[in-house]
Amino acid sequence: MTTPHRFDTITIIFNPNSTGDAPKLAQELSDELVPALPGTEIRLQPTEHAGHAVDLAQKAASAPNALIVSVSGDGGYNEVVNGVMASGSDDAVCAVLAAGNANDHSRVIGRKPLA
């Protein structure tokens, strides 16, 4: 049995103007993680414009032992991955909670409960 990974910070990035369920899903994930992970900083980070998720993810990945969750579709997840890659961090982890229309990436890799 493996020990679950513990993160110091978890940043949940989402588009508050999403036509899908991103704002609701991001809040639900935060509400689930906060009591489950006492001592872990959980941050909800809404995007403000196209490309903003890159900047938010890059900043989030600069913290040690960080998990960055994109609550989005493929485009938002792409921005988050690009931001983490640009950070140069070697220990940041990305995850996606599918909230888009196609969700190709999420469908291909399969789903497990994120929390």
PDB file of N, CA and C in Angstrom:
ATOM      1  N   MET A   1       0.849  -1.182   0.000  1.00  0.00           N
ATOM      2  CA  MET A   1       0.000   0.000   0.000  1.00  0.00           C
ATOM      3  C   MET A   1       0.893   1.243   0.000  1.00  0.00           C
ATOM      4  N   THR A   2       0.569   2.184  -0.858  1.00  0.00           N
ATOM      5  CA  THR A   2       1.349   3.410  -0.936  1.00  0.00           C
ATOM      6  C   THR A   2       0.752   4.475  -0.034  1.00  0.00           C
ATOM      7  N   THR A   3       1.611   5.335   0.462  1.00  0.00           N
ATOM      8  CA  THR A   3       1.172   6.448   1.286  1.00  0.00           C
ATOM      9  C   THR A   3       0.689   7.570   0.385  1.00  0.00           C
ATOM     10  N   PRO A   4      -0.471   8.163   0.676  1.00  0.00           N
ATOM     11  CA  PRO A   4      -0.935   9.264  -0.165  1.00  0.00           C
ATOM     12  C   PRO A   4       0.021  10.449  -0.086  1.00  0.00           C
ATOM     13  N   HIS A   5       0.146  11.141  -1.196  1.00  0.00           N
ATOM     14  CA  HIS A   5       1.031  12.304  -1.259  1.00  0.00           C
ATOM     15  C   HIS A   5       0.388  13.459  -0.504  1.00  0.00           C
ATOM     16  N   ARG A   6       1.175  14.161   0.278  1.00  0.00           N
ATOM     17  CA  ARG A   6       0.686  15.336   0.991  1.00  0.00           C
ATOM     18  C   ARG A   6       1.263  16.576   0.337  1.00  0.00           C
ATOM     19  N   PHE A   7       0.420  17.512   0.031  1.00  0.00           N
ATOM     20  CA  PHE A   7       0.840  18.770  -0.573  1.00  0.00           C
ATOM     21  C   PHE A   7       0.776  19.878   0.458  1.00  0.00           C
ATOM     22  N   ASP A   8       1.706  20.830   0.346  1.00  0.00           N
ATOM     23  CA  ASP A   8       1.682  21.991   1.233  1.00  0.00           C
ATOM     24  C   ASP A   8       0.622  22.993   0.793  1.00  0.00           C
ATOM     25  N   THR A   9       0.467  23.139  -0.524  1.00  0.00           N
ATOM     26  CA  THR A   9      -0.565  24.031  -1.074  1.00  0.00           C
ATOM     27  C   THR A   9      -1.282  23.323  -2.210  1.00  0.00           C
ATOM     28  N   ILE A  10      -2.568  23.603  -2.304  1.00  0.00           N
ATOM     29  CA  ILE A  10      -3.376  23.131  -3.429  1.00  0.00           C
ATOM     30  C   ILE A  10      -4.074  24.356  -3.993  1.00  0.00           C
ATOM     31  N   THR A  11      -3.788  24.654  -5.250  1.00  0.00           N
ATOM     32  CA  THR A  11      -4.394  25.794  -5.924  1.00  0.00           C
ATOM     33  C   THR A  11      -5.387  25.269  -6.954  1.00  0.00           C
ATOM     34  N   ILE A  12      -6.620  25.715  -6.841  1.00  0.00           N
ATOM     35  CA  ILE A  12      -7.693  25.305  -7.747  1.00  0.00           C
ATOM     36  C   ILE A  12      -7.974  26.473  -8.683  1.00  0.00           C
ATOM     37  N   ILE A  13      -7.644  26.291  -9.958  1.00  0.00           N
ATOM     38  CA  ILE A  13      -7.794  27.352 -10.951  1.00  0.00           C
ATOM     39  C   ILE A  13      -9.031  27.055 -11.794  1.00  0.00           C
ATOM     40  N   PHE A  14      -9.882  28.065 -11.968  1.00  0.00           N
ATOM     41  CA  PHE A  14     -11.121  27.879 -12.726  1.00  0.00           C
ATOM     42  C   PHE A  14     -11.554  29.188 -13.359  1.00  0.00           C
ATOM     43  N   ASN A  15     -12.385  29.084 -14.372  1.00  0.00           N
ATOM     44  CA  ASN A  15     -12.951  30.252 -15.051  1.00  0.00           C
ATOM     45  C   ASN A  15     -14.309  30.556 -14.407  1.00  0.00           C
ATOM     46  N   PRO A  16     -14.439  31.683 -13.711  1.00  0.00           N
ATOM     47  CA  PRO A  16     -15.707  31.999 -13.051  1.00  0.00           C
ATOM     48  C   PRO A  16     -16.833  32.297 -14.035  1.00  0.00           C
ATOM     49  N   ASN A  17     -16.489  32.556 -15.293  1.00  0.00           N
ATOM     50  CA  ASN A  17     -17.495  32.849 -16.310  1.00  0.00           C
ATOM     51  C   ASN A  17     -17.763  31.646 -17.207  1.00  0.00           C
ATOM     52  N   SER A  18     -17.336  30.479 -16.773  1.00  0.00           N
ATOM     53  CA  SER A  18     -17.528  29.256 -17.548  1.00  0.00           C
ATOM     54  C   SER A  18     -19.008  29.020 -17.818  1.00  0.00           C
ATOM     55  N   THR A  19     -19.304  28.555 -19.026  1.00  0.00           N
ATOM     56  CA  THR A  19     -20.690  28.204 -19.344  1.00  0.00           C
ATOM     57  C   THR A  19     -21.027  26.826 -18.788  1.00  0.00           C
ATOM     58  N   GLY A  20     -20.016  26.125 -18.309  1.00  0.00           N
ATOM     59  CA  GLY A  20     -20.217  24.819 -17.687  1.00  0.00           C
ATOM     60  C   GLY A  20     -20.321  24.939 -16.184  1.00  0.00           C
ATOM     61  N   ASP A  21     -19.891  23.906 -15.498  1.00  0.00           N
ATOM     62  CA  ASP A  21     -20.013  23.840 -14.043  1.00  0.00           C
ATOM     63  C   ASP A  21     -18.727  24.189 -13.300  1.00  0.00           C
ATOM     64  N   ALA A  22     -17.761  24.825 -13.954  1.00  0.00           N
ATOM     65  CA  ALA A  22     -16.453  25.054 -13.332  1.00  0.00           C
ATOM     66  C   ALA A  22     -16.536  25.776 -11.990  1.00  0.00           C
ATOM     67  N   PRO A  23     -17.256  26.893 -11.867  1.00  0.00           N
ATOM     68  CA  PRO A  23     -17.290  27.567 -10.559  1.00  0.00           C
ATOM     69  C   PRO A  23     -17.869  26.677  -9.452  1.00  0.00           C
ATOM     70  N   LYS A  24     -18.926  25.992  -9.766  1.00  0.00           N
ATOM     71  CA  LYS A  24     -19.573  25.111  -8.784  1.00  0.00           C
ATOM     72  C   LYS A  24     -18.651  23.947  -8.417  1.00  0.00           C
ATOM     73  N   LEU A  25     -18.045  23.307  -9.412  1.00  0.00           N
ATOM     74  CA  LEU A  25     -17.161  22.174  -9.157  1.00  0.00           C
ATOM     75  C   LEU A  25     -15.919  22.590  -8.378  1.00  0.00           C
ATOM     76  N   ALA A  26     -15.374  23.761  -8.691  1.00  0.00           N
ATOM     77  CA  ALA A  26     -14.203  24.263  -7.966  1.00  0.00           C
ATOM     78  C   ALA A  26     -14.545  24.489  -6.496  1.00  0.00           C
ATOM     79  N   GLN A  27     -15.679  25.086  -6.233  1.00  0.00           N
ATOM     80  CA  GLN A  27     -16.093  25.331  -4.847  1.00  0.00           C
ATOM     81  C   GLN A  27     -16.348  24.016  -4.123  1.00  0.00           C
ATOM     82  N   GLU A  28     -17.001  23.068  -4.773  1.00  0.00           N
ATOM     83  CA  GLU A  28     -17.265  21.770  -4.155  1.00  0.00           C
ATOM     84  C   GLU A  28     -15.966  21.041  -3.813  1.00  0.00           C
ATOM     85  N   LEU A  29     -14.984  21.098  -4.722  1.00  0.00           N
ATOM     86  CA  LEU A  29     -13.699  20.467  -4.461  1.00  0.00           C
ATOM     87  C   LEU A  29     -13.021  21.124  -3.259  1.00  0.00           C
ATOM     88  N   SER A  30     -13.016  22.438  -3.234  1.00  0.00           N
ATOM     89  CA  SER A  30     -12.439  23.158  -2.097  1.00  0.00           C
ATOM     90  C   SER A  30     -13.137  22.775  -0.798  1.00  0.00           C
ATOM     91  N   ASP A  31     -14.455  22.735  -0.825  1.00  0.00           N
ATOM     92  CA  ASP A  31     -15.233  22.390   0.367  1.00  0.00           C
ATOM     93  C   ASP A  31     -14.928  20.971   0.852  1.00  0.00           C
ATOM     94  N   GLU A  32     -14.598  20.084  -0.074  1.00  0.00           N
ATOM     95  CA  GLU A  32     -14.257  18.707   0.292  1.00  0.00           C
ATOM     96  C   GLU A  32     -12.825  18.605   0.833  1.00  0.00           C
ATOM     97  N   LEU A  33     -11.910  19.360   0.225  1.00  0.00           N
ATOM     98  CA  LEU A  33     -10.501  19.251   0.607  1.00  0.00           C
ATOM     99  C   LEU A  33     -10.161  19.938   1.925  1.00  0.00           C
ATOM    100  N   VAL A  34     -10.788  21.078   2.207  1.00  0.00           N
ATOM    101  CA  VAL A  34     -10.437  21.848   3.403  1.00  0.00           C
ATOM    102  C   VAL A  34     -10.555  20.996   4.679  1.00  0.00           C
ATOM    103  N   PRO A  35     -11.679  20.336   4.937  1.00  0.00           N
ATOM    104  CA  PRO A  35     -11.741  19.538   6.166  1.00  0.00           C
ATOM    105  C   PRO A  35     -10.917  18.246   6.090  1.00  0.00           C
ATOM    106  N   ALA A  36     -10.714  17.734   4.878  1.00  0.00           N
ATOM    107  CA  ALA A  36      -9.979  16.473   4.715  1.00  0.00           C
ATOM    108  C   ALA A  36      -8.474  16.651   4.874  1.00  0.00           C
ATOM    109  N   LEU A  37      -7.974  17.879   4.638  1.00  0.00           N
ATOM    110  CA  LEU A  37      -6.534  18.132   4.662  1.00  0.00           C
ATOM    111  C   LEU A  37      -6.189  19.304   5.571  1.00  0.00           C
ATOM    112  N   PRO A  38      -6.407  19.152   6.867  1.00  0.00           N
ATOM    113  CA  PRO A  38      -6.057  20.251   7.775  1.00  0.00           C
ATOM    114  C   PRO A  38      -4.555  20.530   7.685  1.00  0.00           C
ATOM    115  N   GLY A  39      -4.221  21.789   7.689  1.00  0.00           N
ATOM    116  CA  GLY A  39      -2.816  22.169   7.579  1.00  0.00           C
ATOM    117  C   GLY A  39      -2.351  22.393   6.149  1.00  0.00           C
ATOM    118  N   THR A  40      -3.175  22.042   5.187  1.00  0.00           N
ATOM    119  CA  THR A  40      -2.852  22.280   3.776  1.00  0.00           C
ATOM    120  C   THR A  40      -3.565  23.552   3.340  1.00  0.00           C
ATOM    121  N   GLU A  41      -2.828  24.448   2.731  1.00  0.00           N
ATOM    122  CA  GLU A  41      -3.442  25.677   2.225  1.00  0.00           C
ATOM    123  C   GLU A  41      -4.172  25.372   0.926  1.00  0.00           C
ATOM    124  N   ILE A  42      -5.474  25.637   0.894  1.00  0.00           N
ATOM    125  CA  ILE A  42      -6.306  25.427  -0.291  1.00  0.00           C
ATOM    126  C   ILE A  42      -6.673  26.801  -0.832  1.00  0.00           C
ATOM    127  N   ARG A  43      -6.315  27.058  -2.104  1.00  0.00           N
ATOM    128  CA  ARG A  43      -6.580  28.365  -2.716  1.00  0.00           C
ATOM    129  C   ARG A  43      -7.512  28.202  -3.918  1.00  0.00           C
ATOM    130  N   LEU A  44      -8.581  28.970  -3.946  1.00  0.00           N
ATOM    131  CA  LEU A  44      -9.446  29.070  -5.130  1.00  0.00           C
ATOM    132  C   LEU A  44      -8.965  30.264  -5.935  1.00  0.00           C
ATOM    133  N   GLN A  45      -8.585  30.037  -7.195  1.00  0.00           N
ATOM    134  CA  GLN A  45      -8.044  31.104  -8.035  1.00  0.00           C
ATOM    135  C   GLN A  45      -8.864  31.237  -9.316  1.00  0.00           C
ATOM    136  N   PRO A  46      -9.808  32.177  -9.357  1.00  0.00           N
ATOM    137  CA  PRO A  46     -10.555  32.398 -10.597  1.00  0.00           C
ATOM    138  C   PRO A  46      -9.686  33.131 -11.625  1.00  0.00           C
ATOM    139  N   THR A  47      -9.856  32.781 -12.874  1.00  0.00           N
ATOM    140  CA  THR A  47      -9.148  33.491 -13.939  1.00  0.00           C
ATOM    141  C   THR A  47      -9.908  34.770 -14.266  1.00  0.00           C
ATOM    142  N   GLU A  48      -9.168  35.744 -14.819  1.00  0.00           N
ATOM    143  CA  GLU A  48      -9.781  37.025 -15.165  1.00  0.00           C
ATOM    144  C   GLU A  48      -9.831  37.275 -16.662  1.00  0.00           C
ATOM    145  N   HIS A  49      -9.034  36.527 -17.438  1.00  0.00           N
ATOM    146  CA  HIS A  49      -9.003  36.717 -18.885  1.00  0.00           C
ATOM    147  C   HIS A  49      -8.329  35.515 -19.530  1.00  0.00           C
ATOM    148  N   ALA A  50      -8.430  35.417 -20.833  1.00  0.00           N
ATOM    149  CA  ALA A  50      -7.776  34.328 -21.570  1.00  0.00           C
ATOM    150  C   ALA A  50      -6.280  34.370 -21.305  1.00  0.00           C
ATOM    151  N   GLY A  51      -5.697  33.235 -21.024  1.00  0.00           N
ATOM    152  CA  GLY A  51      -4.268  33.148 -20.755  1.00  0.00           C
ATOM    153  C   GLY A  51      -3.889  33.371 -19.304  1.00  0.00           C
ATOM    154  N   HIS A  52      -4.827  33.835 -18.483  1.00  0.00           N
ATOM    155  CA  HIS A  52      -4.534  34.131 -17.086  1.00  0.00           C
ATOM    156  C   HIS A  52      -4.166  32.871 -16.294  1.00  0.00           C
ATOM    157  N   ALA A  53      -4.723  31.730 -16.677  1.00  0.00           N
ATOM    158  CA  ALA A  53      -4.411  30.480 -15.963  1.00  0.00           C
ATOM    159  C   ALA A  53      -2.930  30.142 -16.057  1.00  0.00           C
ATOM    160  N   VAL A  54      -2.272  30.542 -17.146  1.00  0.00           N
ATOM    161  CA  VAL A  54      -0.828  30.318 -17.272  1.00  0.00           C
ATOM    162  C   VAL A  54      -0.102  31.042 -16.141  1.00  0.00           C
ATOM    163  N   ASP A  55      -0.426  32.302 -15.949  1.00  0.00           N
ATOM    164  CA  ASP A  55       0.221  33.111 -14.902  1.00  0.00           C
ATOM    165  C   ASP A  55      -0.094  32.574 -13.504  1.00  0.00           C
ATOM    166  N   LEU A  56      -1.361  32.230 -13.271  1.00  0.00           N
ATOM    167  CA  LEU A  56      -1.759  31.717 -11.962  1.00  0.00           C
ATOM    168  C   LEU A  56      -1.045  30.403 -11.646  1.00  0.00           C
ATOM    169  N   ALA A  57      -0.967  29.521 -12.630  1.00  0.00           N
ATOM    170  CA  ALA A  57      -0.318  28.222 -12.427  1.00  0.00           C
ATOM    171  C   ALA A  57       1.180  28.380 -12.218  1.00  0.00           C
ATOM    172  N   GLN A  58       1.792  29.284 -12.964  1.00  0.00           N
ATOM    173  CA  GLN A  58       3.229  29.511 -12.812  1.00  0.00           C
ATOM    174  C   GLN A  58       3.541  29.992 -11.393  1.00  0.00           C
ATOM    175  N   LYS A  59       2.745  30.921 -10.909  1.00  0.00           N
ATOM    176  CA  LYS A  59       2.947  31.437  -9.551  1.00  0.00           C
ATOM    177  C   LYS A  59       2.691  30.337  -8.520  1.00  0.00           C
ATOM    178  N   ALA A  60       1.615  29.569  -8.702  1.00  0.00           N
ATOM    179  CA  ALA A  60       1.275  28.500  -7.754  1.00  0.00           C
ATOM    180  C   ALA A  60       2.367  27.439  -7.705  1.00  0.00           C
ATOM    181  N   ALA A  61       2.951  27.130  -8.854  1.00  0.00           N
ATOM    182  CA  ALA A  61       3.988  26.095  -8.927  1.00  0.00           C
ATOM    183  C   ALA A  61       5.292  26.539  -8.296  1.00  0.00           C
ATOM    184  N   SER A  62       5.444  27.829  -8.045  1.00  0.00           N
ATOM    185  CA  SER A  62       6.682  28.313  -7.427  1.00  0.00           C
ATOM    186  C   SER A  62       6.732  27.970  -5.934  1.00  0.00           C
ATOM    187  N   ALA A  63       5.594  27.625  -5.350  1.00  0.00           N
ATOM    188  CA  ALA A  63       5.570  27.195  -3.954  1.00  0.00           C
ATOM    189  C   ALA A  63       6.065  25.747  -3.889  1.00  0.00           C
ATOM    190  N   PRO A  64       6.794  25.411  -2.856  1.00  0.00           N
ATOM    191  CA  PRO A  64       7.258  24.018  -2.759  1.00  0.00           C
ATOM    192  C   PRO A  64       6.096  23.058  -2.517  1.00  0.00           C
ATOM    193  N   ASN A  65       6.234  21.849  -3.069  1.00  0.00           N
ATOM    194  CA  ASN A  65       5.280  20.768  -2.823  1.00  0.00           C
ATOM    195  C   ASN A  65       3.842  21.200  -3.130  1.00  0.00           C
ATOM    196  N   ALA A  66       3.627  21.695  -4.357  1.00  0.00           N
ATOM    197  CA  ALA A  66       2.337  22.262  -4.752  1.00  0.00           C
ATOM    198  C   ALA A  66       1.563  21.338  -5.689  1.00  0.00           C
ATOM    199  N   LEU A  67       0.263  21.316  -5.508  1.00  0.00           N
ATOM    200  CA  LEU A  67      -0.662  20.677  -6.441  1.00  0.00           C
ATOM    201  C   LEU A  67      -1.471  21.792  -7.075  1.00  0.00           C
ATOM    202  N   ILE A  68      -1.549  21.791  -8.404  1.00  0.00           N
ATOM    203  CA  ILE A  68      -2.332  22.783  -9.131  1.00  0.00           C
ATOM    204  C   ILE A  68      -3.418  22.033  -9.877  1.00  0.00           C
ATOM    205  N   VAL A  69      -4.669  22.350  -9.553  1.00  0.00           N
ATOM    206  CA  VAL A  69      -5.822  21.674 -10.141  1.00  0.00           C
ATOM    207  C   VAL A  69      -6.512  22.629 -11.094  1.00  0.00           C
ATOM    208  N   SER A  70      -6.699  22.173 -12.327  1.00  0.00           N
ATOM    209  CA  SER A  70      -7.458  22.937 -13.307  1.00  0.00           C
ATOM    210  C   SER A  70      -8.875  22.385 -13.340  1.00  0.00           C
ATOM    211  N   VAL A  71      -9.842  23.200 -12.963  1.00  0.00           N
ATOM    212  CA  VAL A  71     -11.241  22.818 -13.079  1.00  0.00           C
ATOM    213  C   VAL A  71     -11.712  23.463 -14.371  1.00  0.00           C
ATOM    214  N   SER A  72     -11.629  22.686 -15.454  1.00  0.00           N
ATOM    215  CA  SER A  72     -11.807  23.271 -16.777  1.00  0.00           C
ATOM    216  C   SER A  72     -11.941  22.185 -17.821  1.00  0.00           C
ATOM    217  N   GLY A  73     -11.957  22.639 -19.043  1.00  0.00           N
ATOM    218  CA  GLY A  73     -11.859  21.743 -20.177  1.00  0.00           C
ATOM    219  C   GLY A  73     -10.416  21.666 -20.630  1.00  0.00           C
ATOM    220  N   ASP A  74     -10.221  21.153 -21.834  1.00  0.00           N
ATOM    221  CA  ASP A  74      -8.876  20.941 -22.357  1.00  0.00           C
ATOM    222  C   ASP A  74      -8.072  22.228 -22.475  1.00  0.00           C
ATOM    223  N   GLY A  75      -8.701  23.329 -22.886  1.00  0.00           N
ATOM    224  CA  GLY A  75      -7.986  24.594 -23.059  1.00  0.00           C
ATOM    225  C   GLY A  75      -7.461  25.142 -21.749  1.00  0.00           C
ATOM    226  N   GLY A  76      -8.285  25.127 -20.721  1.00  0.00           N
ATOM    227  CA  GLY A  76      -7.856  25.603 -19.409  1.00  0.00           C
ATOM    228  C   GLY A  76      -6.760  24.730 -18.830  1.00  0.00           C
ATOM    229  N   TYR A  77      -6.897  23.419 -19.018  1.00  0.00           N
ATOM    230  CA  TYR A  77      -5.867  22.505 -18.514  1.00  0.00           C
ATOM    231  C   TYR A  77      -4.553  22.733 -19.247  1.00  0.00           C
ATOM    232  N   ASN A  78      -4.626  22.990 -20.537  1.00  0.00           N
ATOM    233  CA  ASN A  78      -3.426  23.295 -21.322  1.00  0.00           C
ATOM    234  C   ASN A  78      -2.724  24.531 -20.755  1.00  0.00           C
ATOM    235  N   GLU A  79      -3.468  25.549 -20.431  1.00  0.00           N
ATOM    236  CA  GLU A  79      -2.875  26.757 -19.856  1.00  0.00           C
ATOM    237  C   GLU A  79      -2.198  26.451 -18.514  1.00  0.00           C
ATOM    238  N   VAL A  80      -2.843  25.651 -17.679  1.00  0.00           N
ATOM    239  CA  VAL A  80      -2.267  25.317 -16.377  1.00  0.00           C
ATOM    240  C   VAL A  80      -0.964  24.536 -16.551  1.00  0.00           C
ATOM    241  N   VAL A  81      -0.968  23.550 -17.408  1.00  0.00           N
ATOM    242  CA  VAL A  81       0.254  22.765 -17.648  1.00  0.00           C
ATOM    243  C   VAL A  81       1.363  23.668 -18.180  1.00  0.00           C
ATOM    244  N   ASN A  82       1.032  24.567 -19.104  1.00  0.00           N
ATOM    245  CA  ASN A  82       2.042  25.489 -19.632  1.00  0.00           C
ATOM    246  C   ASN A  82       2.609  26.383 -18.532  1.00  0.00           C
ATOM    247  N   GLY A  83       1.771  26.846 -17.630  1.00  0.00           N
ATOM    248  CA  GLY A  83       2.243  27.680 -16.526  1.00  0.00           C
ATOM    249  C   GLY A  83       3.160  26.920 -15.585  1.00  0.00           C
ATOM    250  N   VAL A  84       2.793  25.690 -15.270  1.00  0.00           N
ATOM    251  CA  VAL A  84       3.631  24.881 -14.389  1.00  0.00           C
ATOM    252  C   VAL A  84       4.967  24.584 -15.068  1.00  0.00           C
ATOM    253  N   MET A  85       4.932  24.257 -16.357  1.00  0.00           N
ATOM    254  CA  MET A  85       6.175  23.986 -17.079  1.00  0.00           C
ATOM    255  C   MET A  85       7.063  25.231 -17.113  1.00  0.00           C
ATOM    256  N   ALA A  86       6.471  26.395 -17.280  1.00  0.00           N
ATOM    257  CA  ALA A  86       7.243  27.640 -17.329  1.00  0.00           C
ATOM    258  C   ALA A  86       7.844  27.997 -15.978  1.00  0.00           C
ATOM    259  N   SER A  87       7.286  27.456 -14.911  1.00  0.00           N
ATOM    260  CA  SER A  87       7.781  27.782 -13.569  1.00  0.00           C
ATOM    261  C   SER A  87       9.154  27.179 -13.297  1.00  0.00           C
ATOM    262  N   GLY A  88       9.481  26.110 -13.993  1.00  0.00           N
ATOM    263  CA  GLY A  88      10.747  25.423 -13.743  1.00  0.00           C
ATOM    264  C   GLY A  88      10.717  24.543 -12.506  1.00  0.00           C
ATOM    265  N   SER A  89       9.579  24.426 -11.865  1.00  0.00           N
ATOM    266  CA  SER A  89       9.456  23.597 -10.674  1.00  0.00           C
ATOM    267  C   SER A  89       9.666  22.132 -11.029  1.00  0.00           C
ATOM    268  N   ASP A  90      10.340  21.416 -10.136  1.00  0.00           N
ATOM    269  CA  ASP A  90      10.513  19.990 -10.385  1.00  0.00           C
ATOM    270  C   ASP A  90       9.673  19.145  -9.428  1.00  0.00           C
ATOM    271  N   ASP A  91       8.831  19.790  -8.607  1.00  0.00           N
ATOM    272  CA  ASP A  91       7.986  18.992  -7.718  1.00  0.00           C
ATOM    273  C   ASP A  91       6.503  19.370  -7.769  1.00  0.00           C
ATOM    274  N   ALA A  92       6.130  20.325  -8.608  1.00  0.00           N
ATOM    275  CA  ALA A  92       4.716  20.681  -8.730  1.00  0.00           C
ATOM    276  C   ALA A  92       3.981  19.585  -9.499  1.00  0.00           C
ATOM    277  N   VAL A  93       2.742  19.355  -9.116  1.00  0.00           N
ATOM    278  CA  VAL A  93       1.912  18.331  -9.745  1.00  0.00           C
ATOM    279  C   VAL A  93       0.658  19.003 -10.293  1.00  0.00           C
ATOM    280  N   CYS A  94       0.249  18.588 -11.506  1.00  0.00           N
ATOM    281  CA  CYS A  94      -0.976  19.109 -12.124  1.00  0.00           C
ATOM    282  C   CYS A  94      -2.056  18.034 -12.091  1.00  0.00           C
ATOM    283  N   ALA A  95      -3.281  18.481 -11.974  1.00  0.00           N
ATOM    284  CA  ALA A  95      -4.431  17.594 -12.062  1.00  0.00           C
ATOM    285  C   ALA A  95      -5.545  18.353 -12.763  1.00  0.00           C
ATOM    286  N   VAL A  96      -6.496  17.617 -13.306  1.00  0.00           N
ATOM    287  CA  VAL A  96      -7.643  18.251 -13.953  1.00  0.00           C
ATOM    288  C   VAL A  96      -8.924  17.648 -13.397  1.00  0.00           C
ATOM    289  N   LEU A  97      -9.882  18.517 -13.126  1.00  0.00           N
ATOM    290  CA  LEU A  97     -11.243  18.123 -12.803  1.00  0.00           C
ATOM    291  C   LEU A  97     -12.071  18.602 -13.987  1.00  0.00           C
ATOM    292  N   ALA A  98     -12.501  17.678 -14.803  1.00  0.00           N
ATOM    293  CA  ALA A  98     -13.152  18.011 -16.069  1.00  0.00           C
ATOM    294  C   ALA A  98     -14.402  18.862 -15.856  1.00  0.00           C
ATOM    295  N   ALA A  99     -14.439  20.007 -16.569  1.00  0.00           N
ATOM    296  CA  ALA A  99     -15.587  20.898 -16.478  1.00  0.00           C
ATOM    297  C   ALA A  99     -15.829  21.578 -17.821  1.00  0.00           C
ATOM    298  N   GLY A 100     -15.360  20.969 -18.906  1.00  0.00           N
ATOM    299  CA  GLY A 100     -15.524  21.562 -20.222  1.00  0.00           C
ATOM    300  C   GLY A 100     -16.555  20.808 -21.043  1.00  0.00           C
ATOM    301  N   ASN A 101     -16.574  21.119 -22.325  1.00  0.00           N
ATOM    302  CA  ASN A 101     -17.540  20.480 -23.214  1.00  0.00           C
ATOM    303  C   ASN A 101     -17.038  19.140 -23.756  1.00  0.00           C
ATOM    304  N   ALA A 102     -15.797  19.089 -24.207  1.00  0.00           N
ATOM    305  CA  ALA A 102     -15.269  17.865 -24.807  1.00  0.00           C
ATOM    306  C   ALA A 102     -14.501  17.021 -23.790  1.00  0.00           C
ATOM    307  N   ASN A 103     -13.637  17.668 -23.004  1.00  0.00           N
ATOM    308  CA  ASN A 103     -12.851  16.986 -21.978  1.00  0.00           C
ATOM    309  C   ASN A 103     -12.078  15.795 -22.538  1.00  0.00           C
ATOM    310  N   ASP A 104     -11.463  15.978 -23.700  1.00  0.00           N
ATOM    311  CA  ASP A 104     -10.728  14.886 -24.333  1.00  0.00           C
ATOM    312  C   ASP A 104      -9.633  14.335 -23.430  1.00  0.00           C
ATOM    313  N   HIS A 105      -8.859  15.215 -22.826  1.00  0.00           N
ATOM    314  CA  HIS A 105      -7.754  14.764 -21.987  1.00  0.00           C
ATOM    315  C   HIS A 105      -8.268  13.897 -20.838  1.00  0.00           C
ATOM    316  N   SER A 106      -9.259  14.374 -20.133  1.00  0.00           N
ATOM    317  CA  SER A 106      -9.797  13.652 -18.991  1.00  0.00           C
ATOM    318  C   SER A 106     -10.388  12.306 -19.426  1.00  0.00           C
ATOM    319  N   ARG A 107     -11.060  12.281 -20.544  1.00  0.00           N
ATOM    320  CA  ARG A 107     -11.684  11.052 -21.033  1.00  0.00           C
ATOM    321  C   ARG A 107     -10.625  10.011 -21.391  1.00  0.00           C
ATOM    322  N   VAL A 108      -9.510  10.441 -21.962  1.00  0.00           N
ATOM    323  CA  VAL A 108      -8.470   9.531 -22.392  1.00  0.00           C
ATOM    324  C   VAL A 108      -7.709   8.936 -21.204  1.00  0.00           C
ATOM    325  N   ILE A 109      -7.434   9.743 -20.178  1.00  0.00           N
ATOM    326  CA  ILE A 109      -6.638   9.239 -19.065  1.00  0.00           C
ATOM    327  C   ILE A 109      -7.471   8.527 -18.010  1.00  0.00           C
ATOM    328  N   GLY A 110      -8.772   8.616 -18.084  1.00  0.00           N
ATOM    329  CA  GLY A 110      -9.615   7.975 -17.089  1.00  0.00           C
ATOM    330  C   GLY A 110      -9.857   8.869 -15.896  1.00  0.00           C
ATOM    331  N   ARG A 111     -10.755   8.439 -15.047  1.00  0.00           N
ATOM    332  CA  ARG A 111     -11.137   9.275 -13.906  1.00  0.00           C
ATOM    333  C   ARG A 111     -11.044   8.501 -12.611  1.00  0.00           C
ATOM    334  N   LYS A 112     -10.562   9.198 -11.618  1.00  0.00           N
ATOM    335  CA  LYS A 112     -10.579   8.721 -10.235  1.00  0.00           C
ATOM    336  C   LYS A 112     -11.017   9.911  -9.407  1.00  0.00           C
ATOM    337  N   PRO A 113     -11.635   9.688  -8.276  1.00  0.00           N
ATOM    338  CA  PRO A 113     -12.014  10.832  -7.438  1.00  0.00           C
ATOM    339  C   PRO A 113     -10.773  11.656  -7.078  1.00  0.00           C
ATOM    340  N   LEU A 114     -10.811  12.934  -7.349  1.00  0.00           N
ATOM    341  CA  LEU A 114      -9.653  13.778  -7.147  1.00  0.00           C
ATOM    342  C   LEU A 114      -9.279  13.917  -5.676  1.00  0.00           C
ATOM    343  N   ALA A 115     -10.262  14.114  -4.835  1.00  0.00           N
ATOM    344  CA  ALA A 115      -9.966  14.270  -3.406  1.00  0.00           C
ATOM    345  C   ALA A 115      -9.330  13.007  -2.854  1.00  0.00           C
TER     346      ALA A 115
END
